[in-house]
Amino acid sequence: MKILIVFNRSKIEEFVKEGIFSVILNEDEIDFFLLEKDYEIISKFIDKDLKINILSSEDGISKKIDFIFSIGGDGTVLKAVREINYPQIPIVGLKKGKLGFLTFDDIYNIDKIIKKLKKKEFFIEKRKLLEINFKGKKQFALNDVVIEREDLARMIHINVYVNGEFFTTYYSNGIIISTPTGSTAYNLSAGGPITSPELDCFILTPICPHSLIHRPIIFDKKTTLSFKTLDKNIDPVLTLDGQVAKRIKENDKIEITLSEKYILLVRDLSQKFPFVLKEKFDWR
């Protein structure tokens, strides 16, 4: 079995202090890999005798790796899939964070996790991405895209078009366009609906709209949404998965639709979506 390890780089010293890497890398019958840039970070902290393979490039990674271990929280998964360009490799989220909607199990259960992988005691979910076209460049997001004010004291006007036809103008703090995967993130905090990751849809949720009749809407996969901001002297920010931010100028056009691209997420046999919600939200 060949496994690529990615991790939350800001917590490297904490992981090393707790012996997380030593426990993982001492597993038998597994070839572990690190991206070259991650090896440069971790090499100063770990035993040089540990056998680690180094990938100098993300190119062709799908042909070399069986699983990706993502050590951290949901944010680490989001960052990892972006950096490796959304590979068609099953991702095993090892939780060392908080809620962990995208994670398989707690990092401290690594022995149990590897046994389940070897015995194929898991299933794989396909998680669709959003496709964003902005200033002639195509990008992707797994959780959400947010258009929001940068100045905390002001609201913004955003024109919305559905399949090229004018729909409405939102006067609000911003809007969230979310996948089903991201429906439990910022979308949920803003009053948007939770949707099953198996659905081919995406969600538009206004952030604190001035008009009470502007409510969240679920669109099907055939829909393309376009957005233009209208305010002079206000440059809102376009954020992808809470990590990539781009400034929006007046009348810049943003197009968003549900992509055919997806990632593969490894799930424990017990992680059926309604019961994941029940566990994470402590529903009785």
C-alpha atoms as a PDB file:
ATOM      1  CA  MET A   1       0.000   0.000   0.000  1.00  0.00           C
ATOM      2  CA  LYS A   2       1.352   3.432  -0.978  1.00  0.00           C
ATOM      3  CA  ILE A   3       0.217   6.419   1.049  1.00  0.00           C
ATOM      4  CA  LEU A   4       0.929  10.120   0.618  1.00  0.00           C
ATOM      5  CA  ILE A   5       0.920  12.094   3.879  1.00  0.00           C
ATOM      6  CA  VAL A   6      -0.176  15.727   3.932  1.00  0.00           C
ATOM      7  CA  PHE A   7      -0.597  17.724   7.115  1.00  0.00           C
ATOM      8  CA  ASN A   8      -1.476  21.032   8.705  1.00  0.00           C
ATOM      9  CA  ARG A   9       1.916  22.735   8.445  1.00  0.00           C
ATOM     10  CA  SER A  10       1.120  25.273  11.150  1.00  0.00           C
ATOM     11  CA  LYS A  11       0.869  22.447  13.707  1.00  0.00           C
ATOM     12  CA  ILE A  12       4.003  20.517  12.764  1.00  0.00           C
ATOM     13  CA  GLU A  13       5.721  20.985  16.139  1.00  0.00           C
ATOM     14  CA  GLU A  14       2.591  19.870  17.988  1.00  0.00           C
ATOM     15  CA  PHE A  15       2.328  16.732  15.831  1.00  0.00           C
ATOM     16  CA  VAL A  16       6.000  15.895  16.376  1.00  0.00           C
ATOM     17  CA  LYS A  17       5.776  16.474  20.135  1.00  0.00           C
ATOM     18  CA  GLU A  18       2.840  14.052  20.341  1.00  0.00           C
ATOM     19  CA  GLY A  19       4.722  11.452  18.279  1.00  0.00           C
ATOM     20  CA  ILE A  20       2.104  11.318  15.534  1.00  0.00           C
ATOM     21  CA  PHE A  21       4.526  10.981  12.629  1.00  0.00           C
ATOM     22  CA  SER A  22       6.628   8.337  14.365  1.00  0.00           C
ATOM     23  CA  VAL A  23       3.553   6.196  14.992  1.00  0.00           C
ATOM     24  CA  ILE A  24       2.369   6.456  11.384  1.00  0.00           C
ATOM     25  CA  LEU A  25       5.724   6.023   9.673  1.00  0.00           C
ATOM     26  CA  ASN A  26       6.582   2.890  11.677  1.00  0.00           C
ATOM     27  CA  GLU A  27       3.618   0.989  10.231  1.00  0.00           C
ATOM     28  CA  ASP A  28       4.714  -2.191   8.420  1.00  0.00           C
ATOM     29  CA  GLU A  29       3.946  -3.128   4.799  1.00  0.00           C
ATOM     30  CA  ILE A  30       3.225   0.470   3.798  1.00  0.00           C
ATOM     31  CA  ASP A  31       5.285   2.800   1.644  1.00  0.00           C
ATOM     32  CA  PHE A  32       4.863   6.367   2.848  1.00  0.00           C
ATOM     33  CA  PHE A  33       5.415   9.400   0.648  1.00  0.00           C
ATOM     34  CA  LEU A  34       5.756  13.124   1.271  1.00  0.00           C
ATOM     35  CA  LEU A  35       5.691  16.001  -1.154  1.00  0.00           C
ATOM     36  CA  GLU A  36       9.158  17.532  -1.434  1.00  0.00           C
ATOM     37  CA  LYS A  37       8.068  20.817   0.157  1.00  0.00           C
ATOM     38  CA  ASP A  38       6.530  18.946   3.108  1.00  0.00           C
ATOM     39  CA  TYR A  39       9.646  16.819   3.569  1.00  0.00           C
ATOM     40  CA  GLU A  40      11.726  19.995   3.857  1.00  0.00           C
ATOM     41  CA  ILE A  41       9.484  21.086   6.742  1.00  0.00           C
ATOM     42  CA  ILE A  42       9.302  17.774   8.567  1.00  0.00           C
ATOM     43  CA  SER A  43      12.848  16.458   8.056  1.00  0.00           C
ATOM     44  CA  LYS A  44      14.312  18.660  10.799  1.00  0.00           C
ATOM     45  CA  PHE A  45      11.917  17.156  13.349  1.00  0.00           C
ATOM     46  CA  ILE A  46      11.838  13.402  12.652  1.00  0.00           C
ATOM     47  CA  ASP A  47      14.211  10.445  12.936  1.00  0.00           C
ATOM     48  CA  LYS A  48      16.351  10.288   9.800  1.00  0.00           C
ATOM     49  CA  ASP A  49      16.175   6.463   9.904  1.00  0.00           C
ATOM     50  CA  LEU A  50      12.455   6.480   9.163  1.00  0.00           C
ATOM     51  CA  LYS A  51      11.860   5.370   5.607  1.00  0.00           C
ATOM     52  CA  ILE A  52      10.117   8.078   3.618  1.00  0.00           C
ATOM     53  CA  ASN A  53       9.749   8.398  -0.131  1.00  0.00           C
ATOM     54  CA  ILE A  54       9.770  11.888  -1.617  1.00  0.00           C
ATOM     55  CA  LEU A  55       7.598  13.071  -4.492  1.00  0.00           C
ATOM     56  CA  SER A  56       9.305  15.925  -6.275  1.00  0.00           C
ATOM     57  CA  SER A  57       6.174  16.839  -8.214  1.00  0.00           C
ATOM     58  CA  GLU A  58       2.400  16.426  -8.038  1.00  0.00           C
ATOM     59  CA  ASP A  59       2.420  15.344 -11.703  1.00  0.00           C
ATOM     60  CA  GLY A  60       1.276  11.766 -12.236  1.00  0.00           C
ATOM     61  CA  ILE A  61       0.589  11.343  -8.537  1.00  0.00           C
ATOM     62  CA  SER A  62      -2.587   9.323  -9.177  1.00  0.00           C
ATOM     63  CA  LYS A  63      -0.505   6.528 -10.710  1.00  0.00           C
ATOM     64  CA  LYS A  64       1.857   6.300  -7.735  1.00  0.00           C
ATOM     65  CA  ILE A  65      -0.387   6.570  -4.667  1.00  0.00           C
ATOM     66  CA  ASP A  66      -3.235   4.424  -3.267  1.00  0.00           C
ATOM     67  CA  PHE A  67      -4.444   6.782  -0.513  1.00  0.00           C
ATOM     68  CA  ILE A  68      -3.793  10.276   0.785  1.00  0.00           C
ATOM     69  CA  PHE A  69      -3.630  10.700   4.570  1.00  0.00           C
ATOM     70  CA  SER A  70      -4.661  14.237   5.516  1.00  0.00           C
ATOM     71  CA  ILE A  71      -3.629  15.018   9.109  1.00  0.00           C
ATOM     72  CA  GLY A  72      -5.469  17.936  10.696  1.00  0.00           C
ATOM     73  CA  GLY A  73      -9.071  19.010  10.280  1.00  0.00           C
ATOM     74  CA  ASP A  74     -11.429  19.772   7.410  1.00  0.00           C
ATOM     75  CA  GLY A  75      -9.328  22.794   6.462  1.00  0.00           C
ATOM     76  CA  THR A  76      -6.326  20.524   5.897  1.00  0.00           C
ATOM     77  CA  VAL A  77      -8.363  18.387   3.502  1.00  0.00           C
ATOM     78  CA  LEU A  78      -9.470  21.509   1.609  1.00  0.00           C
ATOM     79  CA  LYS A  79      -5.922  22.789   1.339  1.00  0.00           C
ATOM     80  CA  ALA A  80      -4.475  19.406   0.373  1.00  0.00           C
ATOM     81  CA  VAL A  81      -6.856  18.756  -2.504  1.00  0.00           C
ATOM     82  CA  ARG A  82      -6.247  22.267  -3.845  1.00  0.00           C
ATOM     83  CA  GLU A  83      -2.458  21.954  -3.716  1.00  0.00           C
ATOM     84  CA  ILE A  84      -2.494  18.539  -5.391  1.00  0.00           C
ATOM     85  CA  ASN A  85      -5.005  19.752  -7.984  1.00  0.00           C
ATOM     86  CA  TYR A  86      -8.005  17.653  -6.924  1.00  0.00           C
ATOM     87  CA  PRO A  87      -6.523  14.184  -7.543  1.00  0.00           C
ATOM     88  CA  GLN A  88      -8.566  11.047  -8.174  1.00  0.00           C
ATOM     89  CA  ILE A  89      -7.024   9.381  -5.125  1.00  0.00           C
ATOM     90  CA  PRO A  90      -9.088   8.352  -2.078  1.00  0.00           C
ATOM     91  CA  ILE A  91      -8.490  10.812   0.767  1.00  0.00           C
ATOM     92  CA  VAL A  92      -8.433   9.589   4.370  1.00  0.00           C
ATOM     93  CA  GLY A  93      -8.986  12.470   6.775  1.00  0.00           C
ATOM     94  CA  LEU A  94      -7.222  11.876  10.099  1.00  0.00           C
ATOM     95  CA  LYS A  95      -8.798  14.250  12.569  1.00  0.00           C
ATOM     96  CA  LYS A  96      -6.628  16.432  14.775  1.00  0.00           C
ATOM     97  CA  GLY A  97      -9.068  19.299  14.787  1.00  0.00           C
ATOM     98  CA  LYS A  98     -12.620  20.073  15.830  1.00  0.00           C
ATOM     99  CA  LEU A  99     -15.787  18.845  14.072  1.00  0.00           C
ATOM    100  CA  GLY A 100     -14.171  17.000  11.186  1.00  0.00           C
ATOM    101  CA  PHE A 101     -17.058  16.504   8.719  1.00  0.00           C
ATOM    102  CA  LEU A 102     -14.574  15.347   6.073  1.00  0.00           C
ATOM    103  CA  THR A 103     -12.462  13.127   8.303  1.00  0.00           C
ATOM    104  CA  PHE A 104     -12.459   9.331   8.587  1.00  0.00           C
ATOM    105  CA  ASP A 105     -11.423   8.945  12.229  1.00  0.00           C
ATOM    106  CA  ASP A 106      -9.297  10.412  15.007  1.00  0.00           C
ATOM    107  CA  ILE A 107      -5.540  10.383  14.327  1.00  0.00           C
ATOM    108  CA  TYR A 108      -4.924   8.472  17.546  1.00  0.00           C
ATOM    109  CA  ASN A 109      -6.784   5.472  16.108  1.00  0.00           C
ATOM    110  CA  ILE A 110      -4.214   5.071  13.322  1.00  0.00           C
ATOM    111  CA  ASP A 111      -3.676   1.325  13.900  1.00  0.00           C
ATOM    112  CA  LYS A 112      -7.402   0.669  13.630  1.00  0.00           C
ATOM    113  CA  ILE A 113      -7.655   2.915  10.556  1.00  0.00           C
ATOM    114  CA  ILE A 114      -4.905   1.096   8.663  1.00  0.00           C
ATOM    115  CA  LYS A 115      -6.445  -2.284   9.504  1.00  0.00           C
ATOM    116  CA  LYS A 116      -9.762  -1.106   8.067  1.00  0.00           C
ATOM    117  CA  LEU A 117      -8.052   0.077   4.885  1.00  0.00           C
ATOM    118  CA  LYS A 118      -6.261  -3.245   4.452  1.00  0.00           C
ATOM    119  CA  LYS A 119      -9.498  -5.168   5.008  1.00  0.00           C
ATOM    120  CA  LYS A 120     -11.406  -2.753   2.740  1.00  0.00           C
ATOM    121  CA  GLU A 121     -13.817  -1.941   5.555  1.00  0.00           C
ATOM    122  CA  PHE A 122     -14.804   1.435   4.141  1.00  0.00           C
ATOM    123  CA  PHE A 123     -16.728   3.041   1.318  1.00  0.00           C
ATOM    124  CA  ILE A 124     -15.872   5.948  -0.955  1.00  0.00           C
ATOM    125  CA  GLU A 125     -17.967   9.048  -1.588  1.00  0.00           C
ATOM    126  CA  LYS A 126     -17.638  11.246  -4.641  1.00  0.00           C
ATOM    127  CA  ARG A 127     -17.728  14.907  -3.630  1.00  0.00           C
ATOM    128  CA  LYS A 128     -18.484  17.320  -6.485  1.00  0.00           C
ATOM    129  CA  LEU A 129     -16.653  20.631  -6.858  1.00  0.00           C
ATOM    130  CA  LEU A 130     -17.751  24.106  -7.837  1.00  0.00           C
ATOM    131  CA  GLU A 131     -16.245  25.481 -11.033  1.00  0.00           C
ATOM    132  CA  ILE A 132     -15.470  29.204 -10.959  1.00  0.00           C
ATOM    133  CA  ASN A 133     -14.632  31.356 -13.978  1.00  0.00           C
ATOM    134  CA  PHE A 134     -13.184  34.720 -13.015  1.00  0.00           C
ATOM    135  CA  LYS A 135     -11.080  37.038 -15.186  1.00  0.00           C
ATOM    136  CA  GLY A 136     -10.526  34.314 -17.766  1.00  0.00           C
ATOM    137  CA  LYS A 137      -9.213  31.776 -15.261  1.00  0.00           C
ATOM    138  CA  LYS A 138     -10.956  28.558 -14.240  1.00  0.00           C
ATOM    139  CA  GLN A 139     -10.685  27.490 -10.599  1.00  0.00           C
ATOM    140  CA  PHE A 140     -12.400  24.996  -8.306  1.00  0.00           C
ATOM    141  CA  ALA A 141     -13.738  24.823  -4.747  1.00  0.00           C
ATOM    142  CA  LEU A 142     -14.819  21.846  -2.671  1.00  0.00           C
ATOM    143  CA  ASN A 143     -16.755  23.662   0.071  1.00  0.00           C
ATOM    144  CA  ASP A 144     -17.840  27.102  -1.046  1.00  0.00           C
ATOM    145  CA  VAL A 145     -17.264  30.376  -2.822  1.00  0.00           C
ATOM    146  CA  VAL A 146     -17.964  33.588  -0.931  1.00  0.00           C
ATOM    147  CA  ILE A 147     -18.441  37.103  -2.291  1.00  0.00           C
ATOM    148  CA  GLU A 148     -18.448  39.526   0.608  1.00  0.00           C
ATOM    149  CA  ARG A 149     -17.592  43.015   1.719  1.00  0.00           C
ATOM    150  CA  GLU A 150     -14.142  43.759   3.015  1.00  0.00           C
ATOM    151  CA  ASP A 151     -15.238  46.901   4.860  1.00  0.00           C
ATOM    152  CA  LEU A 152     -17.105  45.568   7.893  1.00  0.00           C
ATOM    153  CA  ALA A 153     -19.298  48.668   8.197  1.00  0.00           C
ATOM    154  CA  ARG A 154     -20.937  48.529   4.763  1.00  0.00           C
ATOM    155  CA  MET A 155     -23.277  46.314   2.751  1.00  0.00           C
ATOM    156  CA  ILE A 156     -22.841  45.566  -0.948  1.00  0.00           C
ATOM    157  CA  HIS A 157     -25.086  45.202  -4.014  1.00  0.00           C
ATOM    158  CA  ILE A 158     -24.666  42.025  -6.074  1.00  0.00           C
ATOM    159  CA  ASN A 159     -26.542  41.327  -9.295  1.00  0.00           C
ATOM    160  CA  VAL A 160     -27.318  37.646  -9.828  1.00  0.00           C
ATOM    161  CA  TYR A 161     -27.991  36.047 -13.234  1.00  0.00           C
ATOM    162  CA  VAL A 162     -29.356  32.532 -13.758  1.00  0.00           C
ATOM    163  CA  ASN A 163     -28.216  30.933 -17.021  1.00  0.00           C
ATOM    164  CA  GLY A 164     -27.479  34.397 -18.381  1.00  0.00           C
ATOM    165  CA  GLU A 165     -30.831  35.946 -17.426  1.00  0.00           C
ATOM    166  CA  PHE A 166     -31.080  38.626 -14.738  1.00  0.00           C
ATOM    167  CA  PHE A 167     -32.529  37.153 -11.545  1.00  0.00           C
ATOM    168  CA  THR A 168     -32.295  39.671  -8.687  1.00  0.00           C
ATOM    169  CA  THR A 169     -30.069  42.098  -6.801  1.00  0.00           C
ATOM    170  CA  TYR A 170     -28.926  41.157  -3.314  1.00  0.00           C
ATOM    171  CA  TYR A 171     -28.204  43.993  -0.888  1.00  0.00           C
ATOM    172  CA  SER A 172     -26.366  42.202   1.901  1.00  0.00           C
ATOM    173  CA  ASN A 173     -23.052  41.547   3.598  1.00  0.00           C
ATOM    174  CA  GLY A 174     -22.342  39.117   0.765  1.00  0.00           C
ATOM    175  CA  ILE A 175     -23.388  35.750  -0.639  1.00  0.00           C
ATOM    176  CA  ILE A 176     -22.236  32.150  -0.251  1.00  0.00           C
ATOM    177  CA  ILE A 177     -22.323  29.624  -3.078  1.00  0.00           C
ATOM    178  CA  SER A 178     -21.935  26.198  -1.523  1.00  0.00           C
ATOM    179  CA  THR A 179     -21.644  22.556  -2.561  1.00  0.00           C
ATOM    180  CA  PRO A 180     -23.505  19.908  -0.563  1.00  0.00           C
ATOM    181  CA  THR A 181     -20.131  19.168   1.063  1.00  0.00           C
ATOM    182  CA  GLY A 182     -19.875  22.791   2.175  1.00  0.00           C
ATOM    183  CA  SER A 183     -23.498  23.009   3.286  1.00  0.00           C
ATOM    184  CA  THR A 184     -22.456  22.274   6.889  1.00  0.00           C
ATOM    185  CA  ALA A 185     -19.855  25.061   6.894  1.00  0.00           C
ATOM    186  CA  TYR A 186     -20.329  28.841   6.370  1.00  0.00           C
ATOM    187  CA  ASN A 187     -23.599  28.164   4.544  1.00  0.00           C
ATOM    188  CA  LEU A 188     -25.107  26.601   7.667  1.00  0.00           C
ATOM    189  CA  SER A 189     -23.949  29.480   9.877  1.00  0.00           C
ATOM    190  CA  ALA A 190     -25.676  31.910   7.506  1.00  0.00           C
ATOM    191  CA  GLY A 191     -28.981  30.033   7.714  1.00  0.00           C
ATOM    192  CA  GLY A 192     -28.600  27.893   4.593  1.00  0.00           C
ATOM    193  CA  PRO A 193     -29.910  24.320   4.287  1.00  0.00           C
ATOM    194  CA  ILE A 194     -27.961  21.122   4.938  1.00  0.00           C
ATOM    195  CA  THR A 195     -27.928  18.958   1.797  1.00  0.00           C
ATOM    196  CA  SER A 196     -26.793  15.382   1.310  1.00  0.00           C
ATOM    197  CA  PRO A 197     -23.422  15.087  -0.484  1.00  0.00           C
ATOM    198  CA  GLU A 198     -25.025  12.607  -2.881  1.00  0.00           C
ATOM    199  CA  LEU A 199     -27.150  15.349  -4.464  1.00  0.00           C
ATOM    200  CA  ASP A 200     -26.034  17.041  -7.703  1.00  0.00           C
ATOM    201  CA  CYS A 201     -26.896  20.557  -6.636  1.00  0.00           C
ATOM    202  CA  PHE A 202     -25.462  23.721  -5.150  1.00  0.00           C
ATOM    203  CA  ILE A 203     -26.769  26.419  -2.842  1.00  0.00           C
ATOM    204  CA  LEU A 204     -26.932  30.210  -2.957  1.00  0.00           C
ATOM    205  CA  THR A 205     -27.231  31.753   0.519  1.00  0.00           C
ATOM    206  CA  PRO A 206     -27.257  35.515   1.192  1.00  0.00           C
ATOM    207  CA  ILE A 207     -25.298  36.752   4.214  1.00  0.00           C
ATOM    208  CA  CYS A 208     -27.486  39.011   6.381  1.00  0.00           C
ATOM    209  CA  PRO A 209     -29.657  40.312   3.497  1.00  0.00           C
ATOM    210  CA  HIS A 210     -31.420  43.647   3.951  1.00  0.00           C
ATOM    211  CA  SER A 211     -34.616  42.182   2.480  1.00  0.00           C
ATOM    212  CA  LEU A 212     -36.222  39.393   4.490  1.00  0.00           C
ATOM    213  CA  ILE A 213     -37.623  37.835   1.302  1.00  0.00           C
ATOM    214  CA  HIS A 214     -34.149  36.992   0.020  1.00  0.00           C
ATOM    215  CA  ARG A 215     -33.777  33.408   1.182  1.00  0.00           C
ATOM    216  CA  PRO A 216     -31.355  30.548   0.381  1.00  0.00           C
ATOM    217  CA  ILE A 217     -32.012  28.723  -2.918  1.00  0.00           C
ATOM    218  CA  ILE A 218     -30.913  25.272  -4.121  1.00  0.00           C
ATOM    219  CA  PHE A 219     -30.005  25.021  -7.832  1.00  0.00           C
ATOM    220  CA  ASP A 220     -29.609  21.913  -9.959  1.00  0.00           C
ATOM    221  CA  LYS A 221     -26.375  20.894 -11.682  1.00  0.00           C
ATOM    222  CA  LYS A 222     -27.458  22.344 -15.055  1.00  0.00           C
ATOM    223  CA  THR A 223     -27.584  25.883 -13.681  1.00  0.00           C
ATOM    224  CA  THR A 224     -24.890  28.502 -14.184  1.00  0.00           C
ATOM    225  CA  LEU A 225     -24.942  31.490 -11.852  1.00  0.00           C
ATOM    226  CA  SER A 226     -23.262  34.784 -12.739  1.00  0.00           C
ATOM    227  CA  PHE A 227     -22.508  37.662 -10.398  1.00  0.00           C
ATOM    228  CA  LYS A 228     -21.578  41.330 -10.712  1.00  0.00           C
ATOM    229  CA  THR A 229     -20.923  43.752  -7.873  1.00  0.00           C
ATOM    230  CA  LEU A 230     -22.307  47.256  -8.396  1.00  0.00           C
ATOM    231  CA  ASP A 231     -20.832  49.511  -5.726  1.00  0.00           C
ATOM    232  CA  LYS A 232     -18.329  52.215  -6.583  1.00  0.00           C
ATOM    233  CA  ASN A 233     -15.320  52.616  -4.307  1.00  0.00           C
ATOM    234  CA  ILE A 234     -15.978  49.225  -2.681  1.00  0.00           C
ATOM    235  CA  ASP A 235     -13.915  46.243  -3.783  1.00  0.00           C
ATOM    236  CA  PRO A 236     -15.495  43.070  -2.358  1.00  0.00           C
ATOM    237  CA  VAL A 237     -13.468  39.894  -1.964  1.00  0.00           C
ATOM    238  CA  LEU A 238     -13.979  36.559  -3.717  1.00  0.00           C
ATOM    239  CA  THR A 239     -12.886  33.693  -1.457  1.00  0.00           C
ATOM    240  CA  LEU A 240     -12.574  30.017  -2.433  1.00  0.00           C
ATOM    241  CA  ASP A 241     -12.820  27.469   0.401  1.00  0.00           C
ATOM    242  CA  GLY A 242     -11.801  30.170   2.864  1.00  0.00           C
ATOM    243  CA  GLN A 243      -8.232  30.012   1.553  1.00  0.00           C
ATOM    244  CA  VAL A 244      -7.826  31.759  -1.794  1.00  0.00           C
ATOM    245  CA  ALA A 245      -8.917  35.404  -1.872  1.00  0.00           C
ATOM    246  CA  LYS A 246      -9.215  37.693  -4.900  1.00  0.00           C
ATOM    247  CA  ARG A 247     -10.357  41.305  -5.045  1.00  0.00           C
ATOM    248  CA  ILE A 248     -13.428  42.073  -7.191  1.00  0.00           C
ATOM    249  CA  LYS A 249     -13.726  45.334  -9.115  1.00  0.00           C
ATOM    250  CA  GLU A 250     -16.994  47.006 -10.084  1.00  0.00           C
ATOM    251  CA  ASN A 251     -18.737  45.061 -12.909  1.00  0.00           C
ATOM    252  CA  ASP A 252     -16.275  42.158 -12.794  1.00  0.00           C
ATOM    253  CA  LYS A 253     -18.162  39.029 -13.858  1.00  0.00           C
ATOM    254  CA  ILE A 254     -17.995  35.792 -11.880  1.00  0.00           C
ATOM    255  CA  GLU A 255     -19.513  32.564 -13.253  1.00  0.00           C
ATOM    256  CA  ILE A 256     -20.121  29.556 -11.019  1.00  0.00           C
ATOM    257  CA  THR A 257     -21.589  26.140 -11.758  1.00  0.00           C
ATOM    258  CA  LEU A 258     -21.354  22.593 -10.430  1.00  0.00           C
ATOM    259  CA  SER A 259     -18.320  20.932 -11.984  1.00  0.00           C
ATOM    260  CA  GLU A 260     -18.029  17.412 -13.337  1.00  0.00           C
ATOM    261  CA  LYS A 261     -14.792  17.155 -11.330  1.00  0.00           C
ATOM    262  CA  TYR A 262     -14.892  15.528  -7.914  1.00  0.00           C
ATOM    263  CA  ILE A 263     -12.702  14.191  -5.140  1.00  0.00           C
ATOM    264  CA  LEU A 264     -12.872  10.764  -3.515  1.00  0.00           C
ATOM    265  CA  LEU A 265     -13.451  10.744   0.224  1.00  0.00           C
ATOM    266  CA  VAL A 266     -12.888   7.576   2.273  1.00  0.00           C
ATOM    267  CA  ARG A 267     -15.658   6.997   4.812  1.00  0.00           C
ATOM    268  CA  ASP A 268     -16.040   4.545   7.659  1.00  0.00           C
ATOM    269  CA  LEU A 269     -18.907   2.095   7.215  1.00  0.00           C
ATOM    270  CA  SER A 270     -20.706   3.845  10.072  1.00  0.00           C
ATOM    271  CA  GLN A 271     -20.470   7.283   8.441  1.00  0.00           C
ATOM    272  CA  LYS A 272     -23.812   7.457   6.670  1.00  0.00           C
ATOM    273  CA  PHE A 273     -24.607  11.139   6.207  1.00  0.00           C
ATOM    274  CA  PRO A 274     -27.634  11.544   8.555  1.00  0.00           C
ATOM    275  CA  PHE A 275     -25.729   9.828  11.354  1.00  0.00           C
ATOM    276  CA  VAL A 276     -22.616  11.927  10.771  1.00  0.00           C
ATOM    277  CA  LEU A 277     -24.843  14.952  11.378  1.00  0.00           C
ATOM    278  CA  LYS A 278     -26.320  13.334  14.466  1.00  0.00           C
ATOM    279  CA  GLU A 279     -22.846  12.717  15.908  1.00  0.00           C
ATOM    280  CA  LYS A 280     -21.310  16.085  15.037  1.00  0.00           C
ATOM    281  CA  PHE A 281     -24.296  18.147  16.227  1.00  0.00           C
ATOM    282  CA  ASP A 282     -25.023  15.912  19.206  1.00  0.00           C
ATOM    283  CA  TRP A 283     -28.637  15.397  18.158  1.00  0.00           C
ATOM    284  CA  ARG A 284     -30.714  13.337  20.578  1.00  0.00           C
END
